[in-house]
Amino acid sequence: MNVIGGLICLAALLILLIAAVGIVRLPDALARQHAATKAATLAVSIFAIGIGVWTWNGAWAWRLTLITVILLLTIPLASHALARSGLAEQGHREQ
């Protein structure tokens, strides 16, 4: 189980590394933010699964689930708020 959990965690790391390349290479702030938040949401979920498989402990299962749920709720909301402020800064009006 340690090997499987480690491989799942490495997959999450690979997703975050790809997102880091996207943050550096994408042209504007909204595109960079999109790459960062989408990858963070996916990578956090995969990483929590990997740690759950790696530890295989019931005491950690609810903690990992709670952390994942909180991040899955807050990352998209923060992304939306940043996108709205970025558009407002560029001079776009709200409709």
PDB file of N, CA and C in Angstrom:
ATOM      1  N   MET A   1       0.820  -1.194   0.000  1.00  0.00           N
ATOM      2  CA  MET A   1       0.000   0.000   0.000  1.00  0.00           C
ATOM      3  C   MET A   1       0.864   1.259   0.000  1.00  0.00           C
ATOM      4  N   ASN A   2       2.058   1.155   0.590  1.00  0.00           N
ATOM      5  CA  ASN A   2       2.940   2.323   0.591  1.00  0.00           C
ATOM      6  C   ASN A   2       3.333   2.733  -0.821  1.00  0.00           C
ATOM      7  N   VAL A   3       3.593   1.739  -1.666  1.00  0.00           N
ATOM      8  CA  VAL A   3       4.007   2.038  -3.042  1.00  0.00           C
ATOM      9  C   VAL A   3       2.848   2.657  -3.815  1.00  0.00           C
ATOM     10  N   ILE A   4       1.657   2.111  -3.671  1.00  0.00           N
ATOM     11  CA  ILE A   4       0.490   2.642  -4.387  1.00  0.00           C
ATOM     12  C   ILE A   4       0.186   4.065  -3.917  1.00  0.00           C
ATOM     13  N   GLY A   5       0.201   4.285  -2.602  1.00  0.00           N
ATOM     14  CA  GLY A   5      -0.027   5.630  -2.072  1.00  0.00           C
ATOM     15  C   GLY A   5       1.030   6.609  -2.542  1.00  0.00           C
ATOM     16  N   GLY A   6       2.276   6.164  -2.576  1.00  0.00           N
ATOM     17  CA  GLY A   6       3.354   7.022  -3.066  1.00  0.00           C
ATOM     18  C   GLY A   6       3.188   7.380  -4.529  1.00  0.00           C
ATOM     19  N   LEU A   7       2.757   6.416  -5.338  1.00  0.00           N
ATOM     20  CA  LEU A   7       2.541   6.694  -6.761  1.00  0.00           C
ATOM     21  C   LEU A   7       1.387   7.664  -6.974  1.00  0.00           C
ATOM     22  N   ILE A   8       0.343   7.528  -6.175  1.00  0.00           N
ATOM     23  CA  ILE A   8      -0.786   8.459  -6.282  1.00  0.00           C
ATOM     24  C   ILE A   8      -0.339   9.865  -5.888  1.00  0.00           C
ATOM     25  N   CYS A   9       0.468   9.973  -4.842  1.00  0.00           N
ATOM     26  CA  CYS A   9       0.991  11.290  -4.435  1.00  0.00           C
ATOM     27  C   CYS A   9       1.914  11.875  -5.501  1.00  0.00           C
ATOM     28  N   LEU A  10       2.692  11.020  -6.152  1.00  0.00           N
ATOM     29  CA  LEU A  10       3.543  11.499  -7.244  1.00  0.00           C
ATOM     30  C   LEU A  10       2.712  12.000  -8.422  1.00  0.00           C
ATOM     31  N   ALA A  11       1.567  11.368  -8.676  1.00  0.00           N
ATOM     32  CA  ALA A  11       0.679  11.850  -9.737  1.00  0.00           C
ATOM     33  C   ALA A  11       0.166  13.249  -9.407  1.00  0.00           C
ATOM     34  N   ALA A  12      -0.175  13.478  -8.136  1.00  0.00           N
ATOM     35  CA  ALA A  12      -0.617  14.812  -7.718  1.00  0.00           C
ATOM     36  C   ALA A  12       0.512  15.828  -7.889  1.00  0.00           C
ATOM     37  N   LEU A  13       1.732  15.419  -7.560  1.00  0.00           N
ATOM     38  CA  LEU A  13       2.886  16.301  -7.731  1.00  0.00           C
ATOM     39  C   LEU A  13       3.094  16.642  -9.202  1.00  0.00           C
ATOM     40  N   LEU A  14       2.920  15.671 -10.071  1.00  0.00           N
ATOM     41  CA  LEU A  14       3.069  15.910 -11.506  1.00  0.00           C
ATOM     42  C   LEU A  14       2.035  16.918 -12.007  1.00  0.00           C
ATOM     43  N   ILE A  15       0.809  16.804 -11.528  1.00  0.00           N
ATOM     44  CA  ILE A  15      -0.232  17.764 -11.909  1.00  0.00           C
ATOM     45  C   ILE A  15       0.148  19.169 -11.457  1.00  0.00           C
ATOM     46  N   LEU A  16       0.670  19.294 -10.244  1.00  0.00           N
ATOM     47  CA  LEU A  16       1.082  20.615  -9.753  1.00  0.00           C
ATOM     48  C   LEU A  16       2.272  21.169 -10.532  1.00  0.00           C
ATOM     49  N   LEU A  17       3.186  20.311 -10.952  1.00  0.00           N
ATOM     50  CA  LEU A  17       4.317  20.778 -11.764  1.00  0.00           C
ATOM     51  C   LEU A  17       3.850  21.265 -13.135  1.00  0.00           C
ATOM     52  N   ILE A  18       2.897  20.565 -13.735  1.00  0.00           N
ATOM     53  CA  ILE A  18       2.342  21.007 -15.012  1.00  0.00           C
ATOM     54  C   ILE A  18       1.640  22.351 -14.838  1.00  0.00           C
ATOM     55  N   ALA A  19       0.926  22.511 -13.731  1.00  0.00           N
ATOM     56  CA  ALA A  19       0.263  23.791 -13.460  1.00  0.00           C
ATOM     57  C   ALA A  19       1.286  24.904 -13.269  1.00  0.00           C
ATOM     58  N   ALA A  20       2.405  24.601 -12.628  1.00  0.00           N
ATOM     59  CA  ALA A  20       3.446  25.615 -12.443  1.00  0.00           C
ATOM     60  C   ALA A  20       4.004  26.073 -13.786  1.00  0.00           C
ATOM     61  N   VAL A  21       4.174  25.153 -14.711  1.00  0.00           N
ATOM     62  CA  VAL A  21       4.624  25.531 -16.055  1.00  0.00           C
ATOM     63  C   VAL A  21       3.568  26.398 -16.726  1.00  0.00           C
ATOM     64  N   GLY A  22       2.300  26.047 -16.543  1.00  0.00           N
ATOM     65  CA  GLY A  22       1.222  26.853 -17.109  1.00  0.00           C
ATOM     66  C   GLY A  22       1.184  28.254 -16.537  1.00  0.00           C
ATOM     67  N   ILE A  23       1.457  28.373 -15.248  1.00  0.00           N
ATOM     68  CA  ILE A  23       1.466  29.698 -14.621  1.00  0.00           C
ATOM     69  C   ILE A  23       2.563  30.570 -15.214  1.00  0.00           C
ATOM     70  N   VAL A  24       3.687  29.977 -15.504  1.00  0.00           N
ATOM     71  CA  VAL A  24       4.800  30.744 -16.064  1.00  0.00           C
ATOM     72  C   VAL A  24       4.558  31.086 -17.526  1.00  0.00           C
ATOM     73  N   ARG A  25       3.961  30.177 -18.301  1.00  0.00           N
ATOM     74  CA  ARG A  25       3.876  30.357 -19.743  1.00  0.00           C
ATOM     75  C   ARG A  25       2.609  31.029 -20.243  1.00  0.00           C
ATOM     76  N   LEU A  26       1.538  31.018 -19.469  1.00  0.00           N
ATOM     77  CA  LEU A  26       0.284  31.597 -19.966  1.00  0.00           C
ATOM     78  C   LEU A  26       0.359  33.123 -20.003  1.00  0.00           C
ATOM     79  N   PRO A  27      -0.377  33.744 -20.926  1.00  0.00           N
ATOM     80  CA  PRO A  27      -0.169  35.152 -21.222  1.00  0.00           C
ATOM     81  C   PRO A  27      -0.738  36.162 -20.222  1.00  0.00           C
ATOM     82  N   ASP A  28      -1.902  35.894 -19.653  1.00  0.00           N
ATOM     83  CA  ASP A  28      -2.493  36.917 -18.795  1.00  0.00           C
ATOM     84  C   ASP A  28      -2.861  36.339 -17.431  1.00  0.00           C
ATOM     85  N   ALA A  29      -3.248  37.228 -16.536  1.00  0.00           N
ATOM     86  CA  ALA A  29      -3.504  36.843 -15.149  1.00  0.00           C
ATOM     87  C   ALA A  29      -4.675  35.882 -15.021  1.00  0.00           C
ATOM     88  N   LEU A  30      -5.722  36.076 -15.806  1.00  0.00           N
ATOM     89  CA  LEU A  30      -6.884  35.196 -15.706  1.00  0.00           C
ATOM     90  C   LEU A  30      -6.565  33.778 -16.159  1.00  0.00           C
ATOM     91  N   ALA A  31      -5.786  33.649 -17.203  1.00  0.00           N
ATOM     92  CA  ALA A  31      -5.395  32.315 -17.677  1.00  0.00           C
ATOM     93  C   ALA A  31      -4.473  31.631 -16.663  1.00  0.00           C
ATOM     94  N   ARG A  32      -3.549  32.382 -16.092  1.00  0.00           N
ATOM     95  CA  ARG A  32      -2.654  31.818 -15.077  1.00  0.00           C
ATOM     96  C   ARG A  32      -3.429  31.387 -13.847  1.00  0.00           C
ATOM     97  N   GLN A  33      -4.397  32.196 -13.448  1.00  0.00           N
ATOM     98  CA  GLN A  33      -5.219  31.862 -12.294  1.00  0.00           C
ATOM     99  C   GLN A  33      -6.031  30.605 -12.566  1.00  0.00           C
ATOM    100  N   HIS A  34      -6.547  30.473 -13.761  1.00  0.00           N
ATOM    101  CA  HIS A  34      -7.315  29.286 -14.132  1.00  0.00           C
ATOM    102  C   HIS A  34      -6.454  28.031 -14.034  1.00  0.00           C
ATOM    103  N   ALA A  35      -5.242  28.103 -14.550  1.00  0.00           N
ATOM    104  CA  ALA A  35      -4.336  26.947 -14.490  1.00  0.00           C
ATOM    105  C   ALA A  35      -4.015  26.578 -13.042  1.00  0.00           C
ATOM    106  N   ALA A  36      -3.804  27.573 -12.220  1.00  0.00           N
ATOM    107  CA  ALA A  36      -3.431  27.306 -10.828  1.00  0.00           C
ATOM    108  C   ALA A  36      -4.587  26.717 -10.033  1.00  0.00           C
ATOM    109  N   THR A  37      -5.767  27.273 -10.168  1.00  0.00           N
ATOM    110  CA  THR A  37      -6.872  26.825  -9.322  1.00  0.00           C
ATOM    111  C   THR A  37      -7.438  25.480  -9.770  1.00  0.00           C
ATOM    112  N   LYS A  38      -7.526  25.246 -11.056  1.00  0.00           N
ATOM    113  CA  LYS A  38      -8.035  23.951 -11.522  1.00  0.00           C
ATOM    114  C   LYS A  38      -7.083  22.831 -11.134  1.00  0.00           C
ATOM    115  N   ALA A  39      -5.804  23.065 -11.304  1.00  0.00           N
ATOM    116  CA  ALA A  39      -4.830  22.040 -10.945  1.00  0.00           C
ATOM    117  C   ALA A  39      -4.765  21.839  -9.437  1.00  0.00           C
ATOM    118  N   ALA A  40      -4.910  22.899  -8.676  1.00  0.00           N
ATOM    119  CA  ALA A  40      -4.876  22.769  -7.220  1.00  0.00           C
ATOM    120  C   ALA A  40      -6.051  21.954  -6.725  1.00  0.00           C
ATOM    121  N   THR A  41      -7.224  22.180  -7.284  1.00  0.00           N
ATOM    122  CA  THR A  41      -8.402  21.417  -6.883  1.00  0.00           C
ATOM    123  C   THR A  41      -8.214  19.932  -7.173  1.00  0.00           C
ATOM    124  N   LEU A  42      -7.748  19.613  -8.357  1.00  0.00           N
ATOM    125  CA  LEU A  42      -7.537  18.222  -8.730  1.00  0.00           C
ATOM    126  C   LEU A  42      -6.398  17.600  -7.919  1.00  0.00           C
ATOM    127  N   ALA A  43      -5.292  18.307  -7.786  1.00  0.00           N
ATOM    128  CA  ALA A  43      -4.130  17.759  -7.100  1.00  0.00           C
ATOM    129  C   ALA A  43      -4.386  17.543  -5.614  1.00  0.00           C
ATOM    130  N   VAL A  44      -5.118  18.436  -4.972  1.00  0.00           N
ATOM    131  CA  VAL A  44      -5.436  18.258  -3.553  1.00  0.00           C
ATOM    132  C   VAL A  44      -6.283  17.009  -3.364  1.00  0.00           C
ATOM    133  N   SER A  45      -7.239  16.802  -4.226  1.00  0.00           N
ATOM    134  CA  SER A  45      -8.078  15.616  -4.128  1.00  0.00           C
ATOM    135  C   SER A  45      -7.266  14.339  -4.320  1.00  0.00           C
ATOM    136  N   ILE A  46      -6.435  14.321  -5.343  1.00  0.00           N
ATOM    137  CA  ILE A  46      -5.609  13.144  -5.609  1.00  0.00           C
ATOM    138  C   ILE A  46      -4.603  12.920  -4.491  1.00  0.00           C
ATOM    139  N   PHE A  47      -4.009  13.994  -3.992  1.00  0.00           N
ATOM    140  CA  PHE A  47      -3.031  13.870  -2.921  1.00  0.00           C
ATOM    141  C   PHE A  47      -3.678  13.329  -1.644  1.00  0.00           C
ATOM    142  N   ALA A  48      -4.891  13.775  -1.330  1.00  0.00           N
ATOM    143  CA  ALA A  48      -5.603  13.266  -0.155  1.00  0.00           C
ATOM    144  C   ALA A  48      -5.907  11.780  -0.304  1.00  0.00           C
ATOM    145  N   ILE A  49      -6.270  11.354  -1.497  1.00  0.00           N
ATOM    146  CA  ILE A  49      -6.493   9.934  -1.737  1.00  0.00           C
ATOM    147  C   ILE A  49      -5.190   9.160  -1.555  1.00  0.00           C
ATOM    148  N   GLY A  50      -4.099   9.699  -2.083  1.00  0.00           N
ATOM    149  CA  GLY A  50      -2.805   9.034  -1.947  1.00  0.00           C
ATOM    150  C   GLY A  50      -2.362   8.906  -0.502  1.00  0.00           C
ATOM    151  N   ILE A  51      -2.534   9.962   0.277  1.00  0.00           N
ATOM    152  CA  ILE A  51      -2.178   9.896   1.698  1.00  0.00           C
ATOM    153  C   ILE A  51      -3.098   8.913   2.422  1.00  0.00           C
ATOM    154  N   GLY A  52      -4.376   8.901   2.059  1.00  0.00           N
ATOM    155  CA  GLY A  52      -5.300   7.949   2.666  1.00  0.00           C
ATOM    156  C   GLY A  52      -4.907   6.512   2.390  1.00  0.00           C
ATOM    157  N   VAL A  53      -4.491   6.228   1.166  1.00  0.00           N
ATOM    158  CA  VAL A  53      -4.040   4.878   0.822  1.00  0.00           C
ATOM    159  C   VAL A  53      -2.730   4.569   1.526  1.00  0.00           C
ATOM    160  N   TRP A  54      -1.854   5.558   1.586  1.00  0.00           N
ATOM    161  CA  TRP A  54      -0.539   5.352   2.184  1.00  0.00           C
ATOM    162  C   TRP A  54      -0.643   5.060   3.683  1.00  0.00           C
ATOM    163  N   THR A  55      -1.408   5.856   4.402  1.00  0.00           N
ATOM    164  CA  THR A  55      -1.509   5.646   5.848  1.00  0.00           C
ATOM    165  C   THR A  55      -2.470   4.525   6.200  1.00  0.00           C
ATOM    166  N   TRP A  56      -3.561   4.400   5.437  1.00  0.00           N
ATOM    167  CA  TRP A  56      -4.570   3.367   5.636  1.00  0.00           C
ATOM    168  C   TRP A  56      -5.019   3.326   7.096  1.00  0.00           C
ATOM    169  N   ASN A  57      -5.362   4.512   7.606  1.00  0.00           N
ATOM    170  CA  ASN A  57      -5.734   4.672   9.003  1.00  0.00           C
ATOM    171  C   ASN A  57      -7.085   5.383   9.048  1.00  0.00           C
ATOM    172  N   GLY A  58      -8.036   4.789   9.755  1.00  0.00           N
ATOM    173  CA  GLY A  58      -9.368   5.363   9.837  1.00  0.00           C
ATOM    174  C   GLY A  58      -9.400   6.712  10.525  1.00  0.00           C
ATOM    175  N   ALA A  59      -8.451   6.949  11.442  1.00  0.00           N
ATOM    176  CA  ALA A  59      -8.411   8.230  12.143  1.00  0.00           C
ATOM    177  C   ALA A  59      -8.055   9.375  11.194  1.00  0.00           C
ATOM    178  N   TRP A  60      -7.292   9.079  10.167  1.00  0.00           N
ATOM    179  CA  TRP A  60      -6.913  10.117   9.204  1.00  0.00           C
ATOM    180  C   TRP A  60      -7.943  10.289   8.104  1.00  0.00           C
ATOM    181  N   ALA A  61      -8.786   9.302   7.897  1.00  0.00           N
ATOM    182  CA  ALA A  61      -9.744   9.359   6.784  1.00  0.00           C
ATOM    183  C   ALA A  61     -10.686  10.545   6.913  1.00  0.00           C
ATOM    184  N   TRP A  62     -11.242  10.778   8.074  1.00  0.00           N
ATOM    185  CA  TRP A  62     -12.177  11.901   8.219  1.00  0.00           C
ATOM    186  C   TRP A  62     -11.451  13.229   8.151  1.00  0.00           C
ATOM    187  N   ARG A  63     -10.216  13.284   8.619  1.00  0.00           N
ATOM    188  CA  ARG A  63      -9.445  14.532   8.526  1.00  0.00           C
ATOM    189  C   ARG A  63      -9.146  14.878   7.072  1.00  0.00           C
ATOM    190  N   LEU A  64      -8.702  13.879   6.318  1.00  0.00           N
ATOM    191  CA  LEU A  64      -8.416  14.115   4.902  1.00  0.00           C
ATOM    192  C   LEU A  64      -9.674  14.490   4.136  1.00  0.00           C
ATOM    193  N   THR A  65     -10.778  13.862   4.470  1.00  0.00           N
ATOM    194  CA  THR A  65     -12.045  14.193   3.817  1.00  0.00           C
ATOM    195  C   THR A  65     -12.456  15.624   4.139  1.00  0.00           C
ATOM    196  N   LEU A  66     -12.328  16.010   5.392  1.00  0.00           N
ATOM    197  CA  LEU A  66     -12.680  17.376   5.792  1.00  0.00           C
ATOM    198  C   LEU A  66     -11.789  18.409   5.107  1.00  0.00           C
ATOM    199  N   ILE A  67     -10.498  18.160   5.075  1.00  0.00           N
ATOM    200  CA  ILE A  67      -9.568  19.080   4.407  1.00  0.00           C
ATOM    201  C   ILE A  67      -9.914  19.197   2.922  1.00  0.00           C
ATOM    202  N   THR A  68     -10.181  18.074   2.285  1.00  0.00           N
ATOM    203  CA  THR A  68     -10.510  18.082   0.856  1.00  0.00           C
ATOM    204  C   THR A  68     -11.808  18.822   0.588  1.00  0.00           C
ATOM    205  N   VAL A  69     -12.821  18.588   1.402  1.00  0.00           N
ATOM    206  CA  VAL A  69     -14.106  19.275   1.208  1.00  0.00           C
ATOM    207  C   VAL A  69     -13.947  20.777   1.394  1.00  0.00           C
ATOM    208  N   ILE A  70     -13.224  21.184   2.421  1.00  0.00           N
ATOM    209  CA  ILE A  70     -13.019  22.616   2.648  1.00  0.00           C
ATOM    210  C   ILE A  70     -12.289  23.255   1.469  1.00  0.00           C
ATOM    211  N   LEU A  71     -11.250  22.599   0.985  1.00  0.00           N
ATOM    212  CA  LEU A  71     -10.514  23.157  -0.154  1.00  0.00           C
ATOM    213  C   LEU A  71     -11.334  23.130  -1.442  1.00  0.00           C
ATOM    214  N   LEU A  72     -12.137  22.091  -1.625  1.00  0.00           N
ATOM    215  CA  LEU A  72     -12.973  22.040  -2.821  1.00  0.00           C
ATOM    216  C   LEU A  72     -14.060  23.113  -2.799  1.00  0.00           C
ATOM    217  N   LEU A  73     -14.436  23.554  -1.615  1.00  0.00           N
ATOM    218  CA  LEU A  73     -15.406  24.640  -1.516  1.00  0.00           C
ATOM    219  C   LEU A  73     -14.758  26.017  -1.636  1.00  0.00           C
ATOM    220  N   THR A  74     -13.568  26.184  -1.105  1.00  0.00           N
ATOM    221  CA  THR A  74     -12.968  27.519  -1.054  1.00  0.00           C
ATOM    222  C   THR A  74     -12.118  27.871  -2.277  1.00  0.00           C
ATOM    223  N   ILE A  75     -11.463  26.922  -2.899  1.00  0.00           N
ATOM    224  CA  ILE A  75     -10.620  27.251  -4.058  1.00  0.00           C
ATOM    225  C   ILE A  75     -11.438  27.819  -5.212  1.00  0.00           C
ATOM    226  N   PRO A  76     -12.561  27.211  -5.612  1.00  0.00           N
ATOM    227  CA  PRO A  76     -13.346  27.826  -6.691  1.00  0.00           C
ATOM    228  C   PRO A  76     -13.936  29.187  -6.321  1.00  0.00           C
ATOM    229  N   LEU A  77     -14.336  29.358  -5.077  1.00  0.00           N
ATOM    230  CA  LEU A  77     -14.864  30.660  -4.662  1.00  0.00           C
ATOM    231  C   LEU A  77     -13.784  31.735  -4.711  1.00  0.00           C
ATOM    232  N   ALA A  78     -12.603  31.414  -4.242  1.00  0.00           N
ATOM    233  CA  ALA A  78     -11.500  32.368  -4.304  1.00  0.00           C
ATOM    234  C   ALA A  78     -11.127  32.672  -5.750  1.00  0.00           C
ATOM    235  N   SER A  79     -11.145  31.653  -6.595  1.00  0.00           N
ATOM    236  CA  SER A  79     -10.849  31.849  -8.007  1.00  0.00           C
ATOM    237  C   SER A  79     -11.859  32.792  -8.659  1.00  0.00           C
ATOM    238  N   HIS A  80     -13.120  32.605  -8.338  1.00  0.00           N
ATOM    239  CA  HIS A  80     -14.165  33.464  -8.892  1.00  0.00           C
ATOM    240  C   HIS A  80     -13.992  34.907  -8.431  1.00  0.00           C
ATOM    241  N   ALA A  81     -13.685  35.089  -7.153  1.00  0.00           N
ATOM    242  CA  ALA A  81     -13.473  36.445  -6.634  1.00  0.00           C
ATOM    243  C   ALA A  81     -12.268  37.106  -7.295  1.00  0.00           C
ATOM    244  N   LEU A  82     -11.197  36.354  -7.485  1.00  0.00           N
ATOM    245  CA  LEU A  82     -10.020  36.914  -8.156  1.00  0.00           C
ATOM    246  C   LEU A  82     -10.311  37.255  -9.613  1.00  0.00           C
ATOM    247  N   ALA A  83     -11.085  36.415 -10.284  1.00  0.00           N
ATOM    248  CA  ALA A  83     -11.417  36.691 -11.680  1.00  0.00           C
ATOM    249  C   ALA A  83     -12.265  37.946 -11.803  1.00  0.00           C
ATOM    250  N   ARG A  84     -13.237  38.105 -10.910  1.00  0.00           N
ATOM    251  CA  ARG A  84     -14.078  39.305 -10.948  1.00  0.00           C
ATOM    252  C   ARG A  84     -13.260  40.562 -10.688  1.00  0.00           C
ATOM    253  N   SER A  85     -12.335  40.501  -9.734  1.00  0.00           N
ATOM    254  CA  SER A  85     -11.519  41.687  -9.458  1.00  0.00           C
ATOM    255  C   SER A  85     -10.551  41.958 -10.605  1.00  0.00           C
ATOM    256  N   GLY A  86     -10.056  40.898 -11.236  1.00  0.00           N
ATOM    257  CA  GLY A  86      -9.182  41.090 -12.396  1.00  0.00           C
ATOM    258  C   GLY A  86      -9.898  41.732 -13.557  1.00  0.00           C
ATOM    259  N   LEU A  87     -11.131  41.312 -13.799  1.00  0.00           N
ATOM    260  CA  LEU A  87     -11.923  41.927 -14.868  1.00  0.00           C
ATOM    261  C   LEU A  87     -12.273  43.372 -14.536  1.00  0.00           C
ATOM    262  N   ALA A  88     -12.590  43.640 -13.280  1.00  0.00           N
ATOM    263  CA  ALA A  88     -12.904  45.007 -12.867  1.00  0.00           C
ATOM    264  C   ALA A  88     -11.688  45.902 -13.038  1.00  0.00           C
ATOM    265  N   GLU A  89     -10.520  45.375 -12.750  1.00  0.00           N
ATOM    266  CA  GLU A  89      -9.295  46.164 -12.898  1.00  0.00           C
ATOM    267  C   GLU A  89      -9.006  46.470 -14.359  1.00  0.00           C
ATOM    268  N   GLN A  90      -9.409  45.575 -15.237  1.00  0.00           N
ATOM    269  CA  GLN A  90      -9.203  45.790 -16.672  1.00  0.00           C
ATOM    270  C   GLN A  90     -10.242  46.732 -17.264  1.00  0.00           C
ATOM    271  N   GLY A  91     -11.240  47.100 -16.467  1.00  0.00           N
ATOM    272  CA  GLY A  91     -12.221  48.072 -16.934  1.00  0.00           C
ATOM    273  C   GLY A  91     -13.523  47.476 -17.423  1.00  0.00           C
ATOM    274  N   HIS A  92     -13.726  46.193 -17.243  1.00  0.00           N
ATOM    275  CA  HIS A  92     -14.992  45.570 -17.645  1.00  0.00           C
ATOM    276  C   HIS A  92     -16.073  45.917 -16.629  1.00  0.00           C
ATOM    277  N   ARG A  93     -17.269  46.182 -17.147  1.00  0.00           N
ATOM    278  CA  ARG A  93     -18.401  46.497 -16.278  1.00  0.00           C
ATOM    279  C   ARG A  93     -19.131  45.219 -15.888  1.00  0.00           C
ATOM    280  N   GLU A  94     -19.761  45.262 -14.716  1.00  0.00           N
ATOM    281  CA  GLU A  94     -20.617  44.153 -14.310  1.00  0.00           C
ATOM    282  C   GLU A  94     -21.951  44.294 -14.996  1.00  0.00           C
ATOM    283  N   GLN A  95     -22.568  43.184 -15.349  1.00  0.00           N
ATOM    284  CA  GLN A  95     -23.872  43.219 -16.030  1.00  0.00           C
ATOM    285  C   GLN A  95     -24.907  42.556 -15.194  1.00  0.00           C
TER     286      GLN A  95
END
